[in-house]
């Protein structure tokens, strides 16, 4: 592969990246005013033997962060308040936040439950317009979503650098990265401060004599190819140097996801329940494919429906960790009937599917989902996972829906032709902040 970048270099501020601050903890403080100003951590269960999955800004001042053991956190801050996680509430706020952001500019991509990216058009690809949109988003979130719902926004020529910019100042930051200011603008960062460089990647960079950000900036695409062990290195080089995003940086090593999902506003011909069910299944299959790409399994599935008249239906299910499409589809069938039963006679306008409670697929699985559900499925978990991976490979090589699970062919063809883009609910952070 050539050692020089093939992607064009963007010089104007094309992307805004919105990162909610201490999202889970802020939602809890918004819902419960008595928690505001107090050190709060969100936990999966009320026990000293688990870890924080989110910490409020006040708790972070004591050194508490995501992954801190609860017992240790209490020693660090005796006045600490524990709140058990409410996933449905976080998904509901996610929808409110996304709706507010889209009042100011359309969301191009939903990176995770607390991150969205906005791609500016030519008219607004300038600093004055980008800053105006960013400030209106910040004000709108406080006014219309919640007083304590704040965000940090990064502005840059591409999505990757905009994400980096959003991490520069927290909470409530607003930062711009200009290519003419590089590399000095980011020279103070540690390697692991950059998305795509985790604890496993850092030693590999060190082996290539890359110790600092300036070393990384000055490294050639060929050296990064060697460090990543593949084309991910060249792709990272392009992202870092302002190249247009012709690929997806989410597939590089990154922090694990909090949740993974998709949502979709249905065109009128898909709003009757039978057709809407096809959309829901397709959303789930896309979500399951991303889950496997992230090398994770899920233990909870959340389904949300919204009708043309604004009524909402929702259902969720917890189960033993799985990642294969067949198992998740069987769960969706149950949830679909539950959620649809809350909306008799209504046409479905919007569907959201989210997989939560994620874990690495390297962890052992003790129980099978279907034994817990009292059902049976031919073939074991390993076989279903292999089949799911084969479907992923075929669809990647030959186009989406080249092979699908349980779709009526005519509906797949019609639905695939829709011009309404799917939006994603997670880039991929751990079920933590």
Protein backbone atom coordinates (compact mmCIF):
# COMPACT_ATOMS: atom_id res chain seq x y z
CA UNK A 1 0.00 0.00 0.00
CA UNK A 2 1.15 3.50 -0.74
CA UNK A 3 2.82 5.35 2.10
CA UNK A 4 1.03 8.57 1.24
CA UNK A 5 -2.62 9.35 2.03
CA UNK A 6 -5.20 8.81 -0.68
CA UNK A 7 -8.01 10.73 1.01
CA UNK A 8 -8.47 14.44 0.33
CA UNK A 9 -7.54 16.70 3.22
CA UNK A 10 -10.37 18.74 4.72
CA UNK A 11 -9.43 22.21 5.90
CA UNK A 12 -12.79 23.68 6.88
CA UNK A 13 -14.74 22.86 10.07
CA UNK A 14 -17.03 20.20 8.61
CA UNK A 15 -17.97 18.29 11.78
CA UNK A 16 -19.44 19.03 15.19
CA UNK A 17 -19.14 16.27 17.78
CA UNK A 18 -21.43 16.52 20.81
CA UNK A 19 -20.41 14.57 23.91
CA UNK A 20 -22.76 14.65 26.92
CA UNK A 21 -20.98 15.26 30.23
CA UNK A 22 -21.27 12.55 32.91
CA UNK A 23 -24.37 11.45 31.06
CA UNK A 24 -25.92 8.77 33.27
CA UNK A 25 -25.17 10.69 36.47
CA UNK A 26 -26.45 13.96 34.98
CA UNK A 27 -29.72 12.32 33.97
CA UNK A 28 -30.17 11.06 37.54
CA UNK A 29 -29.45 14.55 38.90
CA UNK A 30 -31.92 16.05 36.45
CA UNK A 31 -34.64 13.59 37.48
CA UNK A 32 -33.91 13.99 41.19
CA UNK A 33 -33.09 17.61 42.04
CA UNK A 34 -31.96 16.67 45.55
CA UNK A 35 -28.94 14.95 43.95
CA UNK A 36 -27.71 18.11 42.23
CA UNK A 37 -24.42 19.40 43.55
CA UNK A 38 -23.75 16.10 45.32
CA UNK A 39 -21.15 13.44 44.49
CA UNK A 40 -23.13 10.69 42.75
CA UNK A 41 -22.17 7.44 41.10
CA UNK A 42 -24.42 5.22 39.01
CA UNK A 43 -24.03 1.50 39.74
CA UNK A 44 -25.46 -1.67 38.16
CA UNK A 45 -26.65 -2.86 41.58
CA UNK A 46 -26.49 -1.61 45.14
CA UNK A 47 -23.38 -3.39 46.36
CA UNK A 48 -19.92 -2.44 47.57
CA UNK A 49 -18.51 -5.23 45.39
CA UNK A 50 -19.41 -3.75 42.03
CA UNK A 51 -17.99 -0.77 40.12
CA UNK A 52 -19.22 2.68 39.16
CA UNK A 53 -20.53 2.86 35.61
CA UNK A 54 -20.79 6.66 35.76
CA UNK A 55 -19.68 9.44 38.10
CA UNK A 56 -21.06 12.94 38.49
CA UNK A 57 -18.79 15.93 38.09
CA UNK A 58 -18.80 16.34 41.87
CA UNK A 59 -17.71 12.71 42.38
CA UNK A 60 -14.94 13.07 39.80
CA UNK A 61 -13.37 15.80 41.91
CA UNK A 62 -12.61 13.11 44.51
CA UNK A 63 -10.82 11.00 41.90
CA UNK A 64 -13.75 8.67 41.37
CA UNK A 65 -14.27 7.56 37.79
CA UNK A 66 -15.87 4.86 35.71
CA UNK A 67 -14.64 1.48 36.90
CA UNK A 68 -13.83 2.60 40.45
CA UNK A 69 -14.81 -0.07 42.96
CA UNK A 70 -17.79 1.10 45.03
CA UNK A 71 -16.14 0.26 48.34
CA UNK A 72 -13.06 2.24 47.35
CA UNK A 73 -15.21 5.10 46.07
CA UNK A 74 -16.93 5.34 49.46
CA UNK A 75 -13.57 5.58 51.16
CA UNK A 76 -12.51 8.31 48.74
CA UNK A 77 -15.75 10.23 49.36
CA UNK A 78 -17.73 9.35 52.50
CA UNK A 79 -20.66 11.54 51.39
CA UNK A 80 -21.00 9.63 48.10
CA UNK A 81 -24.54 8.86 46.90
CA UNK A 82 -25.20 5.63 45.00
CA UNK A 83 -27.95 5.38 42.37
CA UNK A 84 -28.92 2.17 40.61
CA UNK A 85 -28.81 2.45 36.81
CA UNK A 86 -32.05 2.97 34.89
CA UNK A 87 -31.33 2.09 31.28
CA UNK A 88 -34.80 2.93 30.00
CA UNK A 89 -34.50 6.45 31.40
CA UNK A 90 -31.15 6.98 29.68
CA UNK A 91 -32.58 5.84 26.35
CA UNK A 92 -35.56 8.19 26.78
CA UNK A 93 -33.25 11.12 27.48
CA UNK A 94 -31.13 10.12 24.51
CA UNK A 95 -34.18 10.59 22.28
CA UNK A 96 -34.97 13.97 23.87
CA UNK A 97 -31.39 15.12 23.40
CA UNK A 98 -31.27 13.98 19.80
CA UNK A 99 -34.58 15.75 19.07
CA UNK A 100 -33.23 18.97 20.56
CA UNK A 101 -29.95 18.79 18.65
CA UNK A 102 -31.84 18.28 15.41
CA UNK A 103 -33.73 21.51 15.96
CA UNK A 104 -30.41 23.23 15.27
CA UNK A 105 -28.80 20.91 12.71
CA UNK A 106 -29.48 17.32 11.53
CA UNK A 107 -27.65 14.51 13.30
CA UNK A 108 -25.45 12.64 10.86
CA UNK A 109 -24.37 9.82 13.15
CA UNK A 110 -25.18 8.69 16.68
CA UNK A 111 -21.90 7.41 18.02
CA UNK A 112 -23.26 6.16 21.35
CA UNK A 113 -26.03 6.90 23.78
CA UNK A 114 -24.20 10.09 24.85
CA UNK A 115 -22.49 11.14 21.59
CA UNK A 116 -23.75 12.48 18.26
CA UNK A 117 -21.96 13.84 15.21
CA UNK A 118 -23.19 16.60 12.88
CA UNK A 119 -21.87 17.06 9.33
CA UNK A 120 -22.12 20.66 8.13
CA UNK A 121 -23.00 21.63 4.58
CA UNK A 122 -20.83 23.93 2.44
CA UNK A 123 -22.70 27.06 3.52
CA UNK A 124 -22.08 26.38 7.22
CA UNK A 125 -18.58 24.94 6.97
CA UNK A 126 -17.00 27.98 8.59
CA UNK A 127 -16.09 28.76 12.18
CA UNK A 128 -18.72 31.44 12.76
CA UNK A 129 -21.60 29.21 11.66
CA UNK A 130 -20.23 26.14 13.45
CA UNK A 131 -19.80 28.04 16.71
CA UNK A 132 -23.31 29.46 16.42
CA UNK A 133 -24.81 25.99 16.01
CA UNK A 134 -22.74 24.65 18.91
CA UNK A 135 -23.83 27.44 21.25
CA UNK A 136 -27.47 27.04 20.31
CA UNK A 137 -27.27 23.31 21.00
CA UNK A 138 -25.78 23.93 24.43
CA UNK A 139 -28.46 26.49 25.32
CA UNK A 140 -31.23 24.30 23.92
CA UNK A 141 -30.20 21.29 25.98
CA UNK A 142 -30.24 23.31 29.19
CA UNK A 143 -33.55 24.99 28.40
CA UNK A 144 -35.54 22.13 26.86
CA UNK A 145 -33.97 18.91 28.17
CA UNK A 146 -32.61 19.74 31.60
CA UNK A 147 -30.73 22.35 33.58
CA UNK A 148 -27.93 19.96 34.45
CA UNK A 149 -27.69 18.31 31.02
CA UNK A 150 -24.46 19.75 29.62
CA UNK A 151 -22.21 18.75 26.77
CA UNK A 152 -18.76 19.31 25.41
CA UNK A 153 -18.63 20.06 21.68
CA UNK A 154 -15.68 19.65 19.35
CA UNK A 155 -15.42 21.29 15.92
CA UNK A 156 -12.92 20.11 13.32
CA UNK A 157 -12.39 19.28 9.65
CA UNK A 158 -13.34 15.62 10.14
CA UNK A 159 -15.33 13.55 12.56
CA UNK A 160 -12.34 11.97 14.26
CA UNK A 161 -10.67 15.27 15.12
CA UNK A 162 -14.03 16.69 16.21
CA UNK A 163 -14.33 13.82 18.69
CA UNK A 164 -10.81 14.53 19.93
CA UNK A 165 -11.72 18.22 20.30
CA UNK A 166 -14.81 17.35 22.36
CA UNK A 167 -12.56 15.68 24.95
CA UNK A 168 -10.23 18.66 25.38
CA UNK A 169 -12.36 20.60 27.86
CA UNK A 170 -14.86 19.04 30.24
CA UNK A 171 -17.42 19.72 31.43
CA UNK A 172 -19.30 22.10 29.12
CA UNK A 173 -16.40 22.66 26.73
CA UNK A 174 -16.37 24.09 23.22
CA UNK A 175 -13.13 23.57 21.27
CA UNK A 176 -11.97 23.93 17.66
CA UNK A 177 -9.13 22.01 16.03
CA UNK A 178 -7.66 23.71 12.95
CA UNK A 179 -5.21 21.85 10.75
CA UNK A 180 -2.96 24.91 10.58
CA UNK A 181 -2.54 24.65 14.36
CA UNK A 182 -1.41 21.03 14.23
CA UNK A 183 0.48 19.26 15.65
CA UNK A 184 1.08 21.75 18.44
CA UNK A 185 -2.62 22.00 19.25
CA UNK A 186 -2.61 18.43 20.60
CA UNK A 187 1.02 18.05 21.60
CA UNK A 188 0.08 17.88 25.30
CA UNK A 189 -2.05 14.76 24.88
CA UNK A 190 -1.00 11.30 25.94
CA UNK A 191 -1.32 8.58 23.31
CA UNK A 192 -4.17 6.96 25.21
CA UNK A 193 -6.10 10.24 25.19
CA UNK A 194 -6.81 9.60 21.51
CA UNK A 195 -9.79 7.50 20.38
CA UNK A 196 -8.48 4.34 18.79
CA UNK A 197 -5.48 3.99 21.10
CA UNK A 198 -6.15 1.83 24.12
CA UNK A 199 -4.04 -0.06 26.59
CA UNK A 200 -3.34 -2.83 24.09
CA UNK A 201 -2.37 -0.48 21.27
CA UNK A 202 -0.04 1.74 23.30
CA UNK A 203 2.69 -0.92 23.78
CA UNK A 204 2.59 -1.67 20.05
CA UNK A 205 3.20 2.00 19.31
CA UNK A 206 6.08 2.01 21.77
CA UNK A 207 7.61 -0.92 19.87
CA UNK A 208 7.60 1.35 16.80
CA UNK A 209 9.39 4.09 18.80
CA UNK A 210 6.24 6.17 19.15
CA UNK A 211 6.15 7.53 22.69
CA UNK A 212 4.44 10.93 22.36
CA UNK A 213 1.77 12.64 20.31
CA UNK A 214 4.46 14.38 18.24
CA UNK A 215 6.03 11.00 17.51
CA UNK A 216 2.65 9.77 16.38
CA UNK A 217 2.04 12.84 14.20
CA UNK A 218 5.42 12.52 12.50
CA UNK A 219 5.15 8.78 11.93
CA UNK A 220 4.52 7.66 8.37
CA UNK A 221 1.42 5.71 7.28
CA UNK A 222 3.68 2.69 6.78
CA UNK A 223 4.85 2.79 10.39
CA UNK A 224 1.27 3.02 11.65
CA UNK A 225 0.35 0.14 9.35
CA UNK A 226 3.02 -1.86 11.14
CA UNK A 227 1.78 -0.78 14.59
CA UNK A 228 -1.85 -1.64 13.85
CA UNK A 229 -0.94 -4.75 11.93
CA UNK A 230 -3.03 -3.72 8.95
CA UNK A 231 -4.78 -0.97 7.01
CA UNK A 232 -6.25 0.41 10.24
CA UNK A 233 -2.92 2.18 10.68
CA UNK A 234 -3.20 4.09 7.40
CA UNK A 235 -6.81 4.88 8.18
CA UNK A 236 -5.83 6.27 11.56
CA UNK A 237 -3.10 8.37 9.90
CA UNK A 238 -5.69 9.91 7.56
CA UNK A 239 -8.08 10.67 10.41
CA UNK A 240 -5.35 12.28 12.50
CA UNK A 241 -4.07 14.41 9.63
CA UNK A 242 -7.50 15.70 8.62
CA UNK A 243 -8.40 13.25 5.86
CA UNK A 244 -12.05 12.92 4.93
CA UNK A 245 -13.65 9.94 6.60
CA UNK A 246 -13.89 7.37 3.83
CA UNK A 247 -14.06 4.65 6.44
CA UNK A 248 -15.34 4.22 9.96
CA UNK A 249 -12.94 4.85 12.83
CA UNK A 250 -15.26 2.95 15.15
CA UNK A 251 -13.75 -0.35 14.04
CA UNK A 252 -10.34 0.60 15.42
CA UNK A 253 -9.38 -0.27 18.96
CA UNK A 254 -11.45 1.97 21.16
CA UNK A 255 -13.04 1.99 24.56
CA UNK A 256 -15.77 -0.68 24.78
CA UNK A 257 -19.36 0.38 24.05
CA UNK A 258 -21.98 1.26 26.65
CA UNK A 259 -24.77 0.09 24.38
CA UNK A 260 -25.32 -0.59 20.72
CA UNK A 261 -28.48 0.07 18.74
CA UNK A 262 -30.31 1.64 15.84
CA UNK A 263 -33.43 3.74 15.48
CA UNK A 264 -35.44 4.60 12.41
CA UNK A 265 -38.35 6.84 11.41
CA UNK A 266 -40.54 4.76 9.12
CA UNK A 267 -41.81 5.95 5.77
CA UNK A 268 -45.64 5.80 5.54
CA UNK A 269 -45.79 2.48 3.69
CA UNK A 270 -44.02 0.71 6.58
CA UNK A 271 -46.12 2.01 9.46
CA UNK A 272 -48.68 -0.79 9.68
CA UNK A 273 -47.58 -3.37 12.29
CA UNK A 274 -46.68 -6.24 9.91
CA UNK A 275 -44.38 -4.05 7.83
CA UNK A 276 -43.07 -2.26 10.92
CA UNK A 277 -42.10 -5.65 12.37
CA UNK A 278 -39.81 -6.19 9.37
CA UNK A 279 -38.15 -2.85 10.05
CA UNK A 280 -37.68 -3.77 13.72
CA UNK A 281 -36.06 -7.06 12.80
CA UNK A 282 -33.75 -5.42 10.31
CA UNK A 283 -32.73 -2.85 12.92
CA UNK A 284 -31.93 -5.65 15.33
CA UNK A 285 -29.86 -7.54 12.77
CA UNK A 286 -27.83 -4.41 12.01
CA UNK A 287 -27.37 -3.89 15.73
CA UNK A 288 -26.34 -7.51 16.30
CA UNK A 289 -23.80 -7.24 13.50
CA UNK A 290 -22.25 -4.18 15.14
CA UNK A 291 -22.25 -5.99 18.48
CA UNK A 292 -20.21 -8.83 17.00
CA UNK A 293 -17.89 -6.38 15.27
CA UNK A 294 -17.23 -4.81 18.66
CA UNK A 295 -16.49 -8.33 20.00
CA UNK A 296 -19.14 -8.06 22.69
CA UNK A 297 -22.24 -9.87 23.90
CA UNK A 298 -25.42 -8.31 25.26
CA UNK A 299 -27.55 -9.28 28.23
CA UNK A 300 -30.47 -6.90 27.67
CA UNK A 301 -32.61 -5.89 24.71
CA UNK A 302 -34.71 -2.71 24.74
CA UNK A 303 -37.43 -1.99 22.16
CA UNK A 304 -39.18 1.37 21.85
CA UNK A 305 -42.06 2.29 19.55
CA UNK A 306 -43.66 5.64 18.80
CA UNK A 307 -46.92 6.03 16.89
CA UNK A 308 -48.04 8.71 14.46
CA UNK A 309 -50.05 10.36 17.23
CA UNK A 310 -47.14 10.37 19.68
CA UNK A 311 -48.11 7.38 21.83
CA UNK A 312 -45.18 5.29 23.07
CA UNK A 313 -44.75 1.60 23.65
CA UNK A 314 -41.68 -0.02 25.15
CA UNK A 315 -40.45 -3.35 26.44
CA UNK A 316 -37.17 -4.85 27.53
CA UNK A 317 -35.80 -8.25 28.41
CA UNK A 318 -32.74 -9.47 30.26
CA UNK A 319 -31.06 -12.76 29.44
CA UNK A 320 -27.80 -14.65 29.49
CA UNK A 321 -25.12 -12.92 27.35
CA UNK A 322 -25.49 -13.63 23.62
CA UNK A 323 -24.44 -12.11 20.30
CA UNK A 324 -25.96 -14.35 17.64
CA UNK A 325 -28.76 -13.02 15.47
CA UNK A 326 -31.07 -15.98 15.91
CA UNK A 327 -31.16 -15.74 19.70
CA UNK A 328 -31.71 -12.00 19.65
CA UNK A 329 -34.43 -12.26 17.01
CA UNK A 330 -36.37 -14.70 19.19
CA UNK A 331 -36.19 -12.19 22.04
CA UNK A 332 -37.37 -9.40 19.76
CA UNK A 333 -40.45 -11.43 18.82
CA UNK A 334 -41.48 -11.51 22.47
CA UNK A 335 -40.78 -7.81 23.01
CA UNK A 336 -42.61 -6.82 19.83
CA UNK A 337 -45.85 -8.36 21.07
CA UNK A 338 -45.44 -6.70 24.47
CA UNK A 339 -44.75 -3.23 23.07
CA UNK A 340 -47.36 -3.48 20.31
CA UNK A 341 -49.95 -4.52 22.88
CA UNK A 342 -49.56 -1.06 24.45
CA UNK A 343 -50.51 0.59 21.14
CA UNK A 344 -53.61 -1.20 19.79
CA UNK A 345 -54.78 0.00 16.40
CA UNK A 346 -52.01 2.57 15.92
CA UNK A 347 -49.56 2.97 13.09
CA UNK A 348 -45.88 2.87 14.08
CA UNK A 349 -43.85 5.93 13.12
CA UNK A 350 -40.53 5.28 14.88
CA UNK A 351 -38.72 2.19 16.14
CA UNK A 352 -35.63 1.96 18.33
CA UNK A 353 -33.71 -1.19 19.20
CA UNK A 354 -30.89 -1.10 21.75
CA UNK A 355 -28.65 -3.85 23.12
CA UNK A 356 -27.35 -3.08 26.61
CA UNK A 357 -25.46 -4.61 29.52
CA UNK A 358 -22.54 -5.47 27.28
CA UNK A 359 -19.53 -7.64 28.05
CA UNK A 360 -16.52 -8.86 26.11
CA UNK A 361 -17.09 -12.09 24.22
CA UNK A 362 -13.88 -13.37 25.80
CA UNK A 363 -15.71 -13.85 29.09
CA UNK A 364 -17.19 -17.33 29.66
CA UNK A 365 -20.94 -17.80 29.29
CA UNK A 366 -22.61 -19.83 32.01
CA UNK A 367 -26.15 -20.19 30.69
CA UNK A 368 -27.82 -20.26 27.28
CA UNK A 369 -30.54 -17.71 26.57
CA UNK A 370 -32.95 -20.33 25.29
CA UNK A 371 -32.65 -22.58 28.30
CA UNK A 372 -33.59 -19.54 30.39
CA UNK A 373 -36.58 -18.82 28.16
CA UNK A 374 -37.75 -22.39 28.41
CA UNK A 375 -37.40 -22.95 24.68
CA UNK A 376 -35.07 -24.91 22.47
CA UNK A 377 -33.07 -24.07 19.41
CA UNK A 378 -31.30 -26.52 17.16
CA UNK A 379 -27.56 -26.14 17.33
CA UNK A 380 -25.39 -24.78 20.11
CA UNK A 381 -24.28 -21.22 20.79
CA UNK A 382 -20.97 -21.66 18.96
CA UNK A 383 -22.75 -22.89 15.83
CA UNK A 384 -25.21 -19.98 15.85
CA UNK A 385 -22.36 -17.53 16.32
CA UNK A 386 -20.54 -19.00 13.32
CA UNK A 387 -23.65 -18.72 11.18
CA UNK A 388 -24.15 -15.12 12.27
CA UNK A 389 -20.55 -14.31 11.36
CA UNK A 390 -21.02 -15.86 7.91
CA UNK A 391 -24.09 -13.67 7.36
CA UNK A 392 -22.06 -10.61 8.39
CA UNK A 393 -19.31 -11.47 5.90
CA UNK A 394 -21.73 -12.05 3.02
CA UNK A 395 -23.57 -8.80 3.61
CA UNK A 396 -20.30 -6.89 3.85
CA UNK A 397 -18.94 -8.39 0.62
CA UNK A 398 -22.10 -8.32 -1.49
CA UNK A 399 -24.16 -5.48 -0.04
CA UNK A 400 -26.65 -5.12 2.78
CA UNK A 401 -29.51 -7.64 2.88
CA UNK A 402 -27.73 -9.98 0.47
CA UNK A 403 -28.66 -12.54 3.07
CA UNK A 404 -31.18 -11.92 5.84
CA UNK A 405 -32.81 -13.84 8.65
CA UNK A 406 -36.53 -14.44 8.23
CA UNK A 407 -37.33 -11.57 5.87
CA UNK A 408 -39.91 -11.74 3.12
CA UNK A 409 -37.80 -11.09 -0.02
CA UNK A 410 -40.16 -8.46 -1.47
CA UNK A 411 -40.20 -6.50 1.78
CA UNK A 412 -36.42 -6.58 2.04
CA UNK A 413 -36.04 -5.26 -1.48
CA UNK A 414 -38.56 -2.49 -0.89
CA UNK A 415 -37.20 -1.51 2.49
CA UNK A 416 -33.58 -1.49 1.35
CA UNK A 417 -34.49 1.10 -1.25
CA UNK A 418 -35.70 3.65 1.26
CA UNK A 419 -33.90 6.99 1.22
CA UNK A 420 -34.24 7.51 4.99
CA UNK A 421 -30.90 6.74 6.60
CA UNK A 422 -30.63 4.64 9.73
CA UNK A 423 -29.10 6.31 12.76
CA UNK A 424 -26.91 4.49 15.25
CA UNK A 425 -27.16 4.66 19.02
CA UNK A 426 -23.82 3.68 20.12
CA UNK A 427 -19.88 4.21 18.92
CA UNK A 428 -18.67 2.28 21.17
CA UNK A 429 -17.94 3.02 24.71
CA UNK A 430 -18.22 0.66 27.57
CA UNK A 431 -21.40 0.62 29.62
CA UNK A 432 -19.48 3.22 31.54
CA UNK A 433 -18.36 6.77 30.99
